[in-house]
Amino acid sequence: MVLTLPRVLKFISGGAEGFLGIPVIGEAFIITTNWGALIIMFIVHLMTFLIARNEGGSVIGSLVGMLASVVGYFDAIMGMFLHMAAALTLLINAFFREK
């Protein structure tokens, strides 16, 4: 497995999304950061999206992650499920997708 920059960013953002998707712990972390974690994750996903797109990689996980950050700001339950979906998508892409 070659560790390219998009792959490393997908591992990092996928792990962070997995943490935010944990029902009580992720929600408590988001609330204690005054929703700043969602803003930071949106920026991380945007960077991952742009770098992966420029290198011809899969961007679907980053798009789901950005959606999770926006939706999670307004609806915690739907955001939790989207965080889980983003984590799963990003980690699968990081493990198995190759250019």
PDB file of N, CA and C in Angstrom:
ATOM      1  N   MET A   1       0.844  -1.174   0.000  1.00  0.00           N
ATOM      2  CA  MET A   1       0.000   0.000   0.000  1.00  0.00           C
ATOM      3  C   MET A   1       0.892   1.241   0.000  1.00  0.00           C
ATOM      4  N   VAL A   2       0.736   2.057  -1.010  1.00  0.00           N
ATOM      5  CA  VAL A   2       1.493   3.293  -1.121  1.00  0.00           C
ATOM      6  C   VAL A   2       0.737   4.399  -0.390  1.00  0.00           C
ATOM      7  N   LEU A   3       1.410   5.091   0.512  1.00  0.00           N
ATOM      8  CA  LEU A   3       0.750   6.156   1.265  1.00  0.00           C
ATOM      9  C   LEU A   3       0.920   7.487   0.536  1.00  0.00           C
ATOM     10  N   THR A   4      -0.072   7.816  -0.267  1.00  0.00           N
ATOM     11  CA  THR A   4      -0.092   9.099  -0.944  1.00  0.00           C
ATOM     12  C   THR A   4      -0.777  10.118  -0.037  1.00  0.00           C
ATOM     13  N   LEU A   5      -0.650  11.384  -0.356  1.00  0.00           N
ATOM     14  CA  LEU A   5      -1.268  12.433   0.462  1.00  0.00           C
ATOM     15  C   LEU A   5      -2.787  12.270   0.542  1.00  0.00           C
ATOM     16  N   PRO A   6      -3.498  12.020  -0.574  1.00  0.00           N
ATOM     17  CA  PRO A   6      -4.952  11.821  -0.441  1.00  0.00           C
ATOM     18  C   PRO A   6      -5.300  10.635   0.459  1.00  0.00           C
ATOM     19  N   ARG A   7      -4.525   9.557   0.362  1.00  0.00           N
ATOM     20  CA  ARG A   7      -4.802   8.374   1.179  1.00  0.00           C
ATOM     21  C   ARG A   7      -4.595   8.678   2.663  1.00  0.00           C
ATOM     22  N   VAL A   8      -3.532   9.384   3.003  1.00  0.00           N
ATOM     23  CA  VAL A   8      -3.266   9.751   4.399  1.00  0.00           C
ATOM     24  C   VAL A   8      -4.377  10.658   4.923  1.00  0.00           C
ATOM     25  N   LEU A   9      -4.796  11.634   4.117  1.00  0.00           N
ATOM     26  CA  LEU A   9      -5.874  12.532   4.535  1.00  0.00           C
ATOM     27  C   LEU A   9      -7.187  11.777   4.720  1.00  0.00           C
ATOM     28  N   LYS A  10      -7.430  10.767   3.898  1.00  0.00           N
ATOM     29  CA  LYS A  10      -8.652   9.965   4.049  1.00  0.00           C
ATOM     30  C   LYS A  10      -8.603   9.146   5.335  1.00  0.00           C
ATOM     31  N   PHE A  11      -7.437   8.593   5.676  1.00  0.00           N
ATOM     32  CA  PHE A  11      -7.307   7.875   6.941  1.00  0.00           C
ATOM     33  C   PHE A  11      -7.563   8.808   8.125  1.00  0.00           C
ATOM     34  N   ILE A  12      -6.966   9.995   8.092  1.00  0.00           N
ATOM     35  CA  ILE A  12      -7.116  10.954   9.195  1.00  0.00           C
ATOM     36  C   ILE A  12      -8.568  11.421   9.313  1.00  0.00           C
ATOM     37  N   SER A  13      -9.134  11.865   8.195  1.00  0.00           N
ATOM     38  CA  SER A  13     -10.507  12.377   8.261  1.00  0.00           C
ATOM     39  C   SER A  13     -11.507  11.252   8.531  1.00  0.00           C
ATOM     40  N   GLY A  14     -11.246  10.045   8.044  1.00  0.00           N
ATOM     41  CA  GLY A  14     -12.120   8.912   8.327  1.00  0.00           C
ATOM     42  C   GLY A  14     -12.111   8.550   9.806  1.00  0.00           C
ATOM     43  N   GLY A  15     -10.933   8.579  10.416  1.00  0.00           N
ATOM     44  CA  GLY A  15     -10.846   8.307  11.852  1.00  0.00           C
ATOM     45  C   GLY A  15     -11.551   9.367  12.676  1.00  0.00           C
ATOM     46  N   ALA A  16     -11.369  10.624  12.289  1.00  0.00           N
ATOM     47  CA  ALA A  16     -12.030  11.717  13.007  1.00  0.00           C
ATOM     48  C   ALA A  16     -13.555  11.622  12.846  1.00  0.00           C
ATOM     49  N   GLU A  17     -14.009  11.279  11.637  1.00  0.00           N
ATOM     50  CA  GLU A  17     -15.454  11.117  11.425  1.00  0.00           C
ATOM     51  C   GLU A  17     -15.997   9.956  12.243  1.00  0.00           C
ATOM     52  N   GLY A  18     -15.224   8.885  12.333  1.00  0.00           N
ATOM     53  CA  GLY A  18     -15.646   7.755  13.160  1.00  0.00           C
ATOM     54  C   GLY A  18     -15.829   8.161  14.608  1.00  0.00           C
ATOM     55  N   PHE A  19     -14.921   8.996  15.106  1.00  0.00           N
ATOM     56  CA  PHE A  19     -15.041   9.494  16.479  1.00  0.00           C
ATOM     57  C   PHE A  19     -16.291  10.354  16.641  1.00  0.00           C
ATOM     58  N   LEU A  20     -16.533  11.243  15.684  1.00  0.00           N
ATOM     59  CA  LEU A  20     -17.711  12.118  15.778  1.00  0.00           C
ATOM     60  C   LEU A  20     -19.014  11.337  15.630  1.00  0.00           C
ATOM     61  N   GLY A  21     -18.963  10.164  15.013  1.00  0.00           N
ATOM     62  CA  GLY A  21     -20.158   9.355  14.833  1.00  0.00           C
ATOM     63  C   GLY A  21     -20.533   8.518  16.042  1.00  0.00           C
ATOM     64  N   ILE A  22     -19.669   8.471  17.072  1.00  0.00           N
ATOM     65  CA  ILE A  22     -20.002   7.721  18.284  1.00  0.00           C
ATOM     66  C   ILE A  22     -21.147   8.449  18.983  1.00  0.00           C
ATOM     67  N   PRO A  23     -22.262   7.750  19.264  1.00  0.00           N
ATOM     68  CA  PRO A  23     -23.481   8.430  19.713  1.00  0.00           C
ATOM     69  C   PRO A  23     -23.335   9.466  20.825  1.00  0.00           C
ATOM     70  N   VAL A  24     -22.875   9.160  21.984  1.00  0.00           N
ATOM     71  CA  VAL A  24     -22.846  10.143  23.068  1.00  0.00           C
ATOM     72  C   VAL A  24     -21.521  10.898  23.088  1.00  0.00           C
ATOM     73  N   ILE A  25     -20.436  10.196  22.868  1.00  0.00           N
ATOM     74  CA  ILE A  25     -19.108  10.807  22.959  1.00  0.00           C
ATOM     75  C   ILE A  25     -18.888  11.843  21.858  1.00  0.00           C
ATOM     76  N   GLY A  26     -19.222  11.490  20.618  1.00  0.00           N
ATOM     77  CA  GLY A  26     -19.050  12.429  19.512  1.00  0.00           C
ATOM     78  C   GLY A  26     -19.892  13.674  19.679  1.00  0.00           C
ATOM     79  N   GLU A  27     -21.130  13.471  20.096  1.00  0.00           N
ATOM     80  CA  GLU A  27     -22.027  14.612  20.304  1.00  0.00           C
ATOM     81  C   GLU A  27     -21.527  15.516  21.432  1.00  0.00           C
ATOM     82  N   ALA A  28     -21.050  14.909  22.513  1.00  0.00           N
ATOM     83  CA  ALA A  28     -20.512  15.700  23.630  1.00  0.00           C
ATOM     84  C   ALA A  28     -19.290  16.502  23.181  1.00  0.00           C
ATOM     85  N   PHE A  29     -18.430  15.881  22.371  1.00  0.00           N
ATOM     86  CA  PHE A  29     -17.241  16.584  21.876  1.00  0.00           C
ATOM     87  C   PHE A  29     -17.644  17.772  21.001  1.00  0.00           C
ATOM     88  N   ILE A  30     -18.603  17.563  20.129  1.00  0.00           N
ATOM     89  CA  ILE A  30     -19.061  18.651  19.254  1.00  0.00           C
ATOM     90  C   ILE A  30     -19.655  19.790  20.083  1.00  0.00           C
ATOM     91  N   ILE A  31     -20.451  19.460  21.080  1.00  0.00           N
ATOM     92  CA  ILE A  31     -21.068  20.496  21.913  1.00  0.00           C
ATOM     93  C   ILE A  31     -20.022  21.246  22.727  1.00  0.00           C
ATOM     94  N   THR A  32     -19.036  20.518  23.295  1.00  0.00           N
ATOM     95  CA  THR A  32     -18.014  21.191  24.107  1.00  0.00           C
ATOM     96  C   THR A  32     -17.099  22.076  23.281  1.00  0.00           C
ATOM     97  N   THR A  33     -16.986  21.802  21.989  1.00  0.00           N
ATOM     98  CA  THR A  33     -16.188  22.688  21.128  1.00  0.00           C
ATOM     99  C   THR A  33     -17.048  23.782  20.508  1.00  0.00           C
ATOM    100  N   ASN A  34     -18.296  23.871  20.979  1.00  0.00           N
ATOM    101  CA  ASN A  34     -19.236  24.878  20.488  1.00  0.00           C
ATOM    102  C   ASN A  34     -19.394  24.778  18.968  1.00  0.00           C
ATOM    103  N   TRP A  35     -19.513  23.562  18.472  1.00  0.00           N
ATOM    104  CA  TRP A  35     -19.682  23.216  17.072  1.00  0.00           C
ATOM    105  C   TRP A  35     -18.456  23.574  16.222  1.00  0.00           C
ATOM    106  N   GLY A  36     -17.358  23.920  16.855  1.00  0.00           N
ATOM    107  CA  GLY A  36     -16.115  24.211  16.128  1.00  0.00           C
ATOM    108  C   GLY A  36     -15.541  22.975  15.464  1.00  0.00           C
ATOM    109  N   ALA A  37     -15.777  21.805  16.050  1.00  0.00           N
ATOM    110  CA  ALA A  37     -15.292  20.560  15.451  1.00  0.00           C
ATOM    111  C   ALA A  37     -15.916  20.345  14.078  1.00  0.00           C
ATOM    112  N   LEU A  38     -17.170  20.744  13.908  1.00  0.00           N
ATOM    113  CA  LEU A  38     -17.827  20.589  12.608  1.00  0.00           C
ATOM    114  C   LEU A  38     -17.209  21.514  11.569  1.00  0.00           C
ATOM    115  N   ILE A  39     -16.850  22.710  11.974  1.00  0.00           N
ATOM    116  CA  ILE A  39     -16.220  23.650  11.054  1.00  0.00           C
ATOM    117  C   ILE A  39     -14.842  23.147  10.645  1.00  0.00           C
ATOM    118  N   ILE A  40     -14.078  22.666  11.619  1.00  0.00           N
ATOM    119  CA  ILE A  40     -12.745  22.130  11.321  1.00  0.00           C
ATOM    120  C   ILE A  40     -12.853  20.919  10.403  1.00  0.00           C
ATOM    121  N   MET A  41     -13.797  20.030  10.683  1.00  0.00           N
ATOM    122  CA  MET A  41     -13.952  18.846   9.839  1.00  0.00           C
ATOM    123  C   MET A  41     -14.393  19.225   8.431  1.00  0.00           C
ATOM    124  N   PHE A  42     -15.230  20.245   8.295  1.00  0.00           N
ATOM    125  CA  PHE A  42     -15.625  20.691   6.962  1.00  0.00           C
ATOM    126  C   PHE A  42     -14.397  21.147   6.186  1.00  0.00           C
ATOM    127  N   ILE A  43     -13.519  21.900   6.835  1.00  0.00           N
ATOM    128  CA  ILE A  43     -12.300  22.389   6.179  1.00  0.00           C
ATOM    129  C   ILE A  43     -11.379  21.226   5.816  1.00  0.00           C
ATOM    130  N   VAL A  44     -11.230  20.256   6.726  1.00  0.00           N
ATOM    131  CA  VAL A  44     -10.393  19.079   6.441  1.00  0.00           C
ATOM    132  C   VAL A  44     -10.960  18.304   5.247  1.00  0.00           C
ATOM    133  N   HIS A  45     -12.279  18.130   5.209  1.00  0.00           N
ATOM    134  CA  HIS A  45     -12.898  17.430   4.081  1.00  0.00           C
ATOM    135  C   HIS A  45     -12.741  18.208   2.784  1.00  0.00           C
ATOM    136  N   LEU A  46     -12.840  19.514   2.847  1.00  0.00           N
ATOM    137  CA  LEU A  46     -12.652  20.328   1.651  1.00  0.00           C
ATOM    138  C   LEU A  46     -11.227  20.180   1.130  1.00  0.00           C
ATOM    139  N   MET A  47     -10.237  20.213   2.022  1.00  0.00           N
ATOM    140  CA  MET A  47      -8.840  20.022   1.604  1.00  0.00           C
ATOM    141  C   MET A  47      -8.650  18.632   1.004  1.00  0.00           C
ATOM    142  N   THR A  48      -9.197  17.612   1.657  1.00  0.00           N
ATOM    143  CA  THR A  48      -9.085  16.246   1.156  1.00  0.00           C
ATOM    144  C   THR A  48      -9.757  16.119  -0.208  1.00  0.00           C
ATOM    145  N   PHE A  49     -10.918  16.728  -0.353  1.00  0.00           N
ATOM    146  CA  PHE A  49     -11.643  16.713  -1.622  1.00  0.00           C
ATOM    147  C   PHE A  49     -10.795  17.314  -2.736  1.00  0.00           C
ATOM    148  N   LEU A  50     -10.240  18.506  -2.492  1.00  0.00           N
ATOM    149  CA  LEU A  50      -9.470  19.193  -3.529  1.00  0.00           C
ATOM    150  C   LEU A  50      -8.206  18.420  -3.905  1.00  0.00           C
ATOM    151  N   ILE A  51      -7.507  17.892  -2.920  1.00  0.00           N
ATOM    152  CA  ILE A  51      -6.275  17.150  -3.195  1.00  0.00           C
ATOM    153  C   ILE A  51      -6.585  15.845  -3.913  1.00  0.00           C
ATOM    154  N   ALA A  52      -7.609  15.116  -3.464  1.00  0.00           N
ATOM    155  CA  ALA A  52      -7.974  13.850  -4.109  1.00  0.00           C
ATOM    156  C   ALA A  52      -8.460  14.095  -5.535  1.00  0.00           C
ATOM    157  N   ARG A  53      -9.230  15.144  -5.736  1.00  0.00           N
ATOM    158  CA  ARG A  53      -9.719  15.452  -7.082  1.00  0.00           C
ATOM    159  C   ARG A  53      -8.566  15.782  -8.027  1.00  0.00           C
ATOM    160  N   ASN A  54      -7.595  16.558  -7.534  1.00  0.00           N
ATOM    161  CA  ASN A  54      -6.450  16.916  -8.368  1.00  0.00           C
ATOM    162  C   ASN A  54      -5.587  15.717  -8.721  1.00  0.00           C
ATOM    163  N   GLU A  55      -5.592  14.692  -7.864  1.00  0.00           N
ATOM    164  CA  GLU A  55      -4.800  13.492  -8.123  1.00  0.00           C
ATOM    165  C   GLU A  55      -5.625  12.383  -8.766  1.00  0.00           C
ATOM    166  N   GLY A  56      -6.871  12.665  -9.083  1.00  0.00           N
ATOM    167  CA  GLY A  56      -7.714  11.692  -9.759  1.00  0.00           C
ATOM    168  C   GLY A  56      -8.287  10.620  -8.855  1.00  0.00           C
ATOM    169  N   GLY A  57      -8.341  10.852  -7.564  1.00  0.00           N
ATOM    170  CA  GLY A  57      -8.864   9.868  -6.622  1.00  0.00           C
ATOM    171  C   GLY A  57     -10.349  10.039  -6.368  1.00  0.00           C
ATOM    172  N   SER A  58     -10.878   9.153  -5.551  1.00  0.00           N
ATOM    173  CA  SER A  58     -12.288   9.186  -5.190  1.00  0.00           C
ATOM    174  C   SER A  58     -12.554  10.331  -4.208  1.00  0.00           C
ATOM    175  N   VAL A  59     -13.647  11.054  -4.428  1.00  0.00           N
ATOM    176  CA  VAL A  59     -13.972  12.207  -3.582  1.00  0.00           C
ATOM    177  C   VAL A  59     -15.296  12.032  -2.840  1.00  0.00           C
ATOM    178  N   ILE A  60     -15.958  10.896  -3.029  1.00  0.00           N
ATOM    179  CA  ILE A  60     -17.294  10.716  -2.450  1.00  0.00           C
ATOM    180  C   ILE A  60     -17.276  10.777  -0.916  1.00  0.00           C
ATOM    181  N   GLY A  61     -16.254  10.224  -0.285  1.00  0.00           N
ATOM    182  CA  GLY A  61     -16.173  10.261   1.173  1.00  0.00           C
ATOM    183  C   GLY A  61     -16.062  11.679   1.704  1.00  0.00           C
ATOM    184  N   SER A  62     -15.296  12.506   1.018  1.00  0.00           N
ATOM    185  CA  SER A  62     -15.167  13.907   1.427  1.00  0.00           C
ATOM    186  C   SER A  62     -16.474  14.659   1.249  1.00  0.00           C
ATOM    187  N   LEU A  63     -17.187  14.353   0.182  1.00  0.00           N
ATOM    188  CA  LEU A  63     -18.484  15.007  -0.028  1.00  0.00           C
ATOM    189  C   LEU A  63     -19.481  14.615   1.067  1.00  0.00           C
ATOM    190  N   VAL A  64     -19.500  13.338   1.425  1.00  0.00           N
ATOM    191  CA  VAL A  64     -20.388  12.890   2.505  1.00  0.00           C
ATOM    192  C   VAL A  64     -19.966  13.540   3.819  1.00  0.00           C
ATOM    193  N   GLY A  65     -18.652  13.682   4.044  1.00  0.00           N
ATOM    194  CA  GLY A  65     -18.154  14.321   5.259  1.00  0.00           C
ATOM    195  C   GLY A  65     -18.549  15.793   5.349  1.00  0.00           C
ATOM    196  N   MET A  66     -18.463  16.503   4.218  1.00  0.00           N
ATOM    197  CA  MET A  66     -18.889  17.907   4.221  1.00  0.00           C
ATOM    198  C   MET A  66     -20.381  18.008   4.492  1.00  0.00           C
ATOM    199  N   LEU A  67     -21.148  17.114   3.890  1.00  0.00           N
ATOM    200  CA  LEU A  67     -22.588  17.083   4.138  1.00  0.00           C
ATOM    201  C   LEU A  67     -22.882  16.786   5.610  1.00  0.00           C
ATOM    202  N   ALA A  68     -22.123  15.850   6.200  1.00  0.00           N
ATOM    203  CA  ALA A  68     -22.304  15.505   7.613  1.00  0.00           C
ATOM    204  C   ALA A  68     -22.033  16.711   8.513  1.00  0.00           C
ATOM    205  N   SER A  69     -21.021  17.504   8.172  1.00  0.00           N
ATOM    206  CA  SER A  69     -20.701  18.676   8.984  1.00  0.00           C
ATOM    207  C   SER A  69     -21.802  19.724   8.914  1.00  0.00           C
ATOM    208  N   VAL A  70     -22.351  19.917   7.728  1.00  0.00           N
ATOM    209  CA  VAL A  70     -23.418  20.920   7.572  1.00  0.00           C
ATOM    210  C   VAL A  70     -24.705  20.433   8.233  1.00  0.00           C
ATOM    211  N   VAL A  71     -25.104  19.198   7.938  1.00  0.00           N
ATOM    212  CA  VAL A  71     -26.347  18.662   8.503  1.00  0.00           C
ATOM    213  C   VAL A  71     -26.226  18.506  10.014  1.00  0.00           C
ATOM    214  N   GLY A  72     -25.053  18.084  10.493  1.00  0.00           N
ATOM    215  CA  GLY A  72     -24.841  17.898  11.928  1.00  0.00           C
ATOM    216  C   GLY A  72     -24.989  19.178  12.724  1.00  0.00           C
ATOM    217  N   TYR A  73     -24.771  20.301  12.082  1.00  0.00           N
ATOM    218  CA  TYR A  73     -24.949  21.590  12.745  1.00  0.00           C
ATOM    219  C   TYR A  73     -26.410  21.822  13.098  1.00  0.00           C
ATOM    220  N   PHE A  74     -27.319  21.307  12.266  1.00  0.00           N
ATOM    221  CA  PHE A  74     -28.743  21.545  12.459  1.00  0.00           C
ATOM    222  C   PHE A  74     -29.483  20.363  13.084  1.00  0.00           C
ATOM    223  N   ASP A  75     -29.015  19.132  12.816  1.00  0.00           N
ATOM    224  CA  ASP A  75     -29.719  17.934  13.282  1.00  0.00           C
ATOM    225  C   ASP A  75     -28.687  16.913  13.755  1.00  0.00           C
ATOM    226  N   ALA A  76     -28.588  16.741  15.065  1.00  0.00           N
ATOM    227  CA  ALA A  76     -27.548  15.890  15.646  1.00  0.00           C
ATOM    228  C   ALA A  76     -27.711  14.421  15.266  1.00  0.00           C
ATOM    229  N   ILE A  77     -28.927  13.920  15.224  1.00  0.00           N
ATOM    230  CA  ILE A  77     -29.151  12.501  14.927  1.00  0.00           C
ATOM    231  C   ILE A  77     -28.778  12.185  13.478  1.00  0.00           C
ATOM    232  N   MET A  78     -29.286  12.973  12.550  1.00  0.00           N
ATOM    233  CA  MET A  78     -28.955  12.752  11.140  1.00  0.00           C
ATOM    234  C   MET A  78     -27.461  12.973  10.910  1.00  0.00           C
ATOM    235  N   GLY A  79     -26.897  13.964  11.587  1.00  0.00           N
ATOM    236  CA  GLY A  79     -25.457  14.210  11.477  1.00  0.00           C
ATOM    237  C   GLY A  79     -24.649  13.019  11.954  1.00  0.00           C
ATOM    238  N   MET A  80     -25.090  12.375  13.039  1.00  0.00           N
ATOM    239  CA  MET A  80     -24.381  11.207  13.565  1.00  0.00           C
ATOM    240  C   MET A  80     -24.342  10.095  12.521  1.00  0.00           C
ATOM    241  N   PHE A  81     -25.470   9.826  11.883  1.00  0.00           N
ATOM    242  CA  PHE A  81     -25.502   8.788  10.861  1.00  0.00           C
ATOM    243  C   PHE A  81     -24.641   9.167   9.653  1.00  0.00           C
ATOM    244  N   LEU A  82     -24.648  10.424   9.289  1.00  0.00           N
ATOM    245  CA  LEU A  82     -23.808  10.860   8.173  1.00  0.00           C
ATOM    246  C   LEU A  82     -22.324  10.805   8.536  1.00  0.00           C
ATOM    247  N   HIS A  83     -21.982  11.099   9.794  1.00  0.00           N
ATOM    248  CA  HIS A  83     -20.587  10.967  10.231  1.00  0.00           C
ATOM    249  C   HIS A  83     -20.136   9.516  10.124  1.00  0.00           C
ATOM    250  N   MET A  84     -21.019   8.590  10.513  1.00  0.00           N
ATOM    251  CA  MET A  84     -20.692   7.168  10.397  1.00  0.00           C
ATOM    252  C   MET A  84     -20.509   6.764   8.935  1.00  0.00           C
ATOM    253  N   ALA A  85     -21.408   7.244   8.085  1.00  0.00           N
ATOM    254  CA  ALA A  85     -21.323   6.921   6.656  1.00  0.00           C
ATOM    255  C   ALA A  85     -20.054   7.508   6.046  1.00  0.00           C
ATOM    256  N   ALA A  86     -19.714   8.732   6.432  1.00  0.00           N
ATOM    257  CA  ALA A  86     -18.496   9.359   5.914  1.00  0.00           C
ATOM    258  C   ALA A  86     -17.265   8.601   6.374  1.00  0.00           C
ATOM    259  N   ALA A  87     -17.238   8.191   7.644  1.00  0.00           N
ATOM    260  CA  ALA A  87     -16.093   7.441   8.164  1.00  0.00           C
ATOM    261  C   ALA A  87     -15.923   6.138   7.403  1.00  0.00           C
ATOM    262  N   LEU A  88     -17.002   5.426   7.219  1.00  0.00           N
ATOM    263  CA  LEU A  88     -16.948   4.153   6.507  1.00  0.00           C
ATOM    264  C   LEU A  88     -16.472   4.350   5.067  1.00  0.00           C
ATOM    265  N   THR A  89     -17.027   5.323   4.381  1.00  0.00           N
ATOM    266  CA  THR A  89     -16.661   5.586   2.994  1.00  0.00           C
ATOM    267  C   THR A  89     -15.198   6.009   2.871  1.00  0.00           C
ATOM    268  N   LEU A  90     -14.767   6.915   3.724  1.00  0.00           N
ATOM    269  CA  LEU A  90     -13.385   7.387   3.666  1.00  0.00           C
ATOM    270  C   LEU A  90     -12.393   6.263   3.966  1.00  0.00           C
ATOM    271  N   LEU A  91     -12.673   5.470   4.984  1.00  0.00           N
ATOM    272  CA  LEU A  91     -11.745   4.401   5.343  1.00  0.00           C
ATOM    273  C   LEU A  91     -11.716   3.291   4.289  1.00  0.00           C
ATOM    274  N   ILE A  92     -12.844   2.980   3.694  1.00  0.00           N
ATOM    275  CA  ILE A  92     -12.848   1.996   2.610  1.00  0.00           C
ATOM    276  C   ILE A  92     -12.048   2.526   1.425  1.00  0.00           C
ATOM    277  N   ASN A  93     -12.247   3.792   1.079  1.00  0.00           N
ATOM    278  CA  ASN A  93     -11.473   4.386  -0.018  1.00  0.00           C
ATOM    279  C   ASN A  93      -9.997   4.413   0.299  1.00  0.00           C
ATOM    280  N   ALA A  94      -9.654   4.705   1.534  1.00  0.00           N
ATOM    281  CA  ALA A  94      -8.239   4.777   1.913  1.00  0.00           C
ATOM    282  C   ALA A  94      -7.589   3.400   1.861  1.00  0.00           C
ATOM    283  N   PHE A  95      -8.307   2.370   2.258  1.00  0.00           N
ATOM    284  CA  PHE A  95      -7.749   1.016   2.279  1.00  0.00           C
ATOM    285  C   PHE A  95      -7.689   0.386   0.910  1.00  0.00           C
ATOM    286  N   PHE A  96      -8.747   0.554   0.112  1.00  0.00           N
ATOM    287  CA  PHE A  96      -8.885  -0.242  -1.092  1.00  0.00           C
ATOM    288  C   PHE A  96      -8.764   0.501  -2.416  1.00  0.00           C
ATOM    289  N   ARG A  97      -8.988   1.797  -2.441  1.00  0.00           N
ATOM    290  CA  ARG A  97      -8.938   2.519  -3.699  1.00  0.00           C
ATOM    291  C   ARG A  97      -7.500   2.792  -4.097  1.00  0.00           C
ATOM    292  N   GLU A  98      -7.212   2.485  -5.320  1.00  0.00           N
ATOM    293  CA  GLU A  98      -5.870   2.773  -5.850  1.00  0.00           C
ATOM    294  C   GLU A  98      -6.072   3.383  -7.223  1.00  0.00           C
ATOM    295  N   LYS A  99      -5.215   4.320  -7.548  1.00  0.00           N
ATOM    296  CA  LYS A  99      -5.306   5.002  -8.828  1.00  0.00           C
ATOM    297  C   LYS A  99      -5.078   4.072  -9.979  1.00  0.00           C
TER     298      LYS A  99
END
